[in-house]
Amino acid sequence: MLAVINYGVFFGLVVAHTILAAVMTRFFRLRLDTQAGWIGYSLGLLPILFFLSTLVVTGALGLGPTLGSRLVVFAILIGLPVALGMTIDLLYVAQPEDVELPQRQ
């Protein structure tokens, strides 16, 4: 039963990281005025945020399965969600040029 809970927490963390990566990538694409600045912020800030949440959930709380290698855990919990989140934003969400933002007062 404990293994099911550990894998459920692990899968939930992957899904949460992927959703957060897609939302934050969209935020950076909409708010930054540069052509490629969103790439730097997405590839720079998201892994740091995911690393911290991974340390809290798998380290401090002791949840998640033992996959044998730290590299595998970080690749699945950090690399995969960043790649999937950016892909979801780039392929399945409207381009920032097509989105109308409210006027600032």
C-alpha atoms as a PDB file:
ATOM      1  CA  MET A   1       0.000   0.000   0.000  1.00  0.00           C
ATOM      2  CA  LEU A   2       2.855   2.358   0.802  1.00  0.00           C
ATOM      3  CA  ALA A   3       4.394   1.780  -2.632  1.00  0.00           C
ATOM      4  CA  VAL A   4       1.121   2.782  -4.295  1.00  0.00           C
ATOM      5  CA  ILE A   5       1.051   6.012  -2.292  1.00  0.00           C
ATOM      6  CA  ASN A   6       4.702   6.730  -3.085  1.00  0.00           C
ATOM      7  CA  TYR A   7       4.191   6.233  -6.828  1.00  0.00           C
ATOM      8  CA  GLY A   8       0.978   8.271  -6.681  1.00  0.00           C
ATOM      9  CA  VAL A   9       2.813  11.174  -5.051  1.00  0.00           C
ATOM     10  CA  PHE A  10       5.605  10.825  -7.605  1.00  0.00           C
ATOM     11  CA  PHE A  11       3.174  10.854 -10.552  1.00  0.00           C
ATOM     12  CA  GLY A  12       1.223  13.743  -9.002  1.00  0.00           C
ATOM     13  CA  LEU A  13       4.421  15.746  -8.642  1.00  0.00           C
ATOM     14  CA  VAL A  14       5.312  15.130 -12.295  1.00  0.00           C
ATOM     15  CA  VAL A  15       1.835  16.284 -13.373  1.00  0.00           C
ATOM     16  CA  ALA A  16       1.945  19.341 -11.097  1.00  0.00           C
ATOM     17  CA  HIS A  17       5.395  20.305 -12.388  1.00  0.00           C
ATOM     18  CA  THR A  18       4.237  19.907 -15.999  1.00  0.00           C
ATOM     19  CA  ILE A  19       1.175  22.109 -15.467  1.00  0.00           C
ATOM     20  CA  LEU A  20       3.236  24.721 -13.639  1.00  0.00           C
ATOM     21  CA  ALA A  21       5.859  24.673 -16.418  1.00  0.00           C
ATOM     22  CA  ALA A  22       3.189  25.251 -19.074  1.00  0.00           C
ATOM     23  CA  VAL A  23       1.590  28.107 -17.117  1.00  0.00           C
ATOM     24  CA  MET A  24       4.878  29.801 -16.265  1.00  0.00           C
ATOM     25  CA  THR A  25       6.148  29.467 -19.841  1.00  0.00           C
ATOM     26  CA  ARG A  26       2.945  31.125 -21.053  1.00  0.00           C
ATOM     27  CA  PHE A  27       3.361  33.872 -18.450  1.00  0.00           C
ATOM     28  CA  PHE A  28       6.935  34.549 -19.562  1.00  0.00           C
ATOM     29  CA  ARG A  29       5.950  34.568 -23.232  1.00  0.00           C
ATOM     30  CA  LEU A  30       3.142  37.066 -22.642  1.00  0.00           C
ATOM     31  CA  ARG A  31       4.939  39.436 -20.280  1.00  0.00           C
ATOM     32  CA  LEU A  32       8.465  39.650 -21.673  1.00  0.00           C
ATOM     33  CA  ASP A  33       9.050  42.071 -24.550  1.00  0.00           C
ATOM     34  CA  THR A  34      12.053  40.217 -25.953  1.00  0.00           C
ATOM     35  CA  GLN A  35      12.060  37.599 -28.679  1.00  0.00           C
ATOM     36  CA  ALA A  36      13.901  34.881 -26.770  1.00  0.00           C
ATOM     37  CA  GLY A  37      13.884  36.127 -23.166  1.00  0.00           C
ATOM     38  CA  TRP A  38      11.125  33.726 -22.225  1.00  0.00           C
ATOM     39  CA  ILE A  39      13.388  30.813 -23.154  1.00  0.00           C
ATOM     40  CA  GLY A  40      16.067  31.981 -20.731  1.00  0.00           C
ATOM     41  CA  TYR A  41      13.592  32.511 -17.920  1.00  0.00           C
ATOM     42  CA  SER A  42      11.837  29.202 -18.589  1.00  0.00           C
ATOM     43  CA  LEU A  43      15.068  27.221 -18.713  1.00  0.00           C
ATOM     44  CA  GLY A  44      16.617  29.153 -15.819  1.00  0.00           C
ATOM     45  CA  LEU A  45      13.888  29.652 -13.238  1.00  0.00           C
ATOM     46  CA  LEU A  46      11.680  26.598 -13.714  1.00  0.00           C
ATOM     47  CA  PRO A  47      14.386  24.001 -12.913  1.00  0.00           C
ATOM     48  CA  ILE A  48      15.307  25.908  -9.745  1.00  0.00           C
ATOM     49  CA  LEU A  49      11.676  25.993  -8.622  1.00  0.00           C
ATOM     50  CA  PHE A  50      11.184  22.314  -9.448  1.00  0.00           C
ATOM     51  CA  PHE A  51      14.421  21.381  -7.691  1.00  0.00           C
ATOM     52  CA  LEU A  52      13.242  23.097  -4.511  1.00  0.00           C
ATOM     53  CA  SER A  53       9.813  21.441  -4.612  1.00  0.00           C
ATOM     54  CA  THR A  54      11.461  18.076  -5.317  1.00  0.00           C
ATOM     55  CA  LEU A  55      13.725  18.524  -2.298  1.00  0.00           C
ATOM     56  CA  VAL A  56      10.749  19.370  -0.088  1.00  0.00           C
ATOM     57  CA  VAL A  57       8.503  16.530  -1.237  1.00  0.00           C
ATOM     58  CA  THR A  58      11.036  13.729  -1.644  1.00  0.00           C
ATOM     59  CA  GLY A  59      13.579  14.859   0.944  1.00  0.00           C
ATOM     60  CA  ALA A  60      11.909  16.606   3.854  1.00  0.00           C
ATOM     61  CA  LEU A  61       8.570  14.804   3.613  1.00  0.00           C
ATOM     62  CA  GLY A  62      10.135  11.496   2.565  1.00  0.00           C
ATOM     63  CA  LEU A  63       7.539  10.772  -0.101  1.00  0.00           C
ATOM     64  CA  GLY A  64       8.135   9.185  -3.478  1.00  0.00           C
ATOM     65  CA  PRO A  65       9.651   5.922  -4.633  1.00  0.00           C
ATOM     66  CA  THR A  66      13.302   4.965  -4.679  1.00  0.00           C
ATOM     67  CA  LEU A  67      14.326   4.833  -8.330  1.00  0.00           C
ATOM     68  CA  GLY A  68      17.955   3.958  -7.711  1.00  0.00           C
ATOM     69  CA  SER A  69      19.645   7.087  -8.989  1.00  0.00           C
ATOM     70  CA  ARG A  70      19.390  10.785  -8.231  1.00  0.00           C
ATOM     71  CA  LEU A  71      19.938  11.521 -11.897  1.00  0.00           C
ATOM     72  CA  VAL A  72      16.851   9.512 -12.881  1.00  0.00           C
ATOM     73  CA  VAL A  73      14.715  11.254 -10.280  1.00  0.00           C
ATOM     74  CA  PHE A  74      15.875  14.706 -11.352  1.00  0.00           C
ATOM     75  CA  ALA A  75      15.463  13.879 -15.042  1.00  0.00           C
ATOM     76  CA  ILE A  76      11.886  12.725 -14.467  1.00  0.00           C
ATOM     77  CA  LEU A  77      10.885  15.417 -11.952  1.00  0.00           C
ATOM     78  CA  ILE A  78      12.698  18.379 -13.514  1.00  0.00           C
ATOM     79  CA  GLY A  79      13.711  17.719 -17.129  1.00  0.00           C
ATOM     80  CA  LEU A  80      10.575  15.959 -18.312  1.00  0.00           C
ATOM     81  CA  PRO A  81       8.094  18.509 -16.899  1.00  0.00           C
ATOM     82  CA  VAL A  82      10.050  21.474 -18.284  1.00  0.00           C
ATOM     83  CA  ALA A  83      10.186  19.872 -21.733  1.00  0.00           C
ATOM     84  CA  LEU A  84       6.516  18.848 -21.673  1.00  0.00           C
ATOM     85  CA  GLY A  85       5.321  22.187 -20.282  1.00  0.00           C
ATOM     86  CA  MET A  86       7.173  24.191 -22.910  1.00  0.00           C
ATOM     87  CA  THR A  87       5.929  21.849 -25.638  1.00  0.00           C
ATOM     88  CA  ILE A  88       2.330  22.165 -24.479  1.00  0.00           C
ATOM     89  CA  ASP A  89       2.608  25.945 -24.460  1.00  0.00           C
ATOM     90  CA  LEU A  90       4.284  26.135 -27.860  1.00  0.00           C
ATOM     91  CA  LEU A  91       2.100  23.644 -29.708  1.00  0.00           C
ATOM     92  CA  TYR A  92      -1.326  23.669 -28.096  1.00  0.00           C
ATOM     93  CA  VAL A  93      -1.888  27.230 -26.875  1.00  0.00           C
ATOM     94  CA  ALA A  94      -2.491  30.307 -29.035  1.00  0.00           C
ATOM     95  CA  GLN A  95       0.521  32.427 -29.920  1.00  0.00           C
ATOM     96  CA  PRO A  96       1.092  35.511 -27.724  1.00  0.00           C
ATOM     97  CA  GLU A  97       0.546  37.773 -30.737  1.00  0.00           C
ATOM     98  CA  ASP A  98      -3.020  36.440 -30.998  1.00  0.00           C
ATOM     99  CA  VAL A  99      -3.833  37.155 -27.340  1.00  0.00           C
ATOM    100  CA  GLU A 100      -5.211  40.579 -26.429  1.00  0.00           C
ATOM    101  CA  LEU A 101      -4.011  41.899 -23.090  1.00  0.00           C
ATOM    102  CA  PRO A 102      -5.978  44.500 -21.117  1.00  0.00           C
ATOM    103  CA  GLN A 103      -4.730  48.069 -21.406  1.00  0.00           C
ATOM    104  CA  ARG A 104      -2.771  49.444 -18.471  1.00  0.00           C
ATOM    105  CA  GLN A 105      -4.016  52.621 -16.863  1.00  0.00           C
END
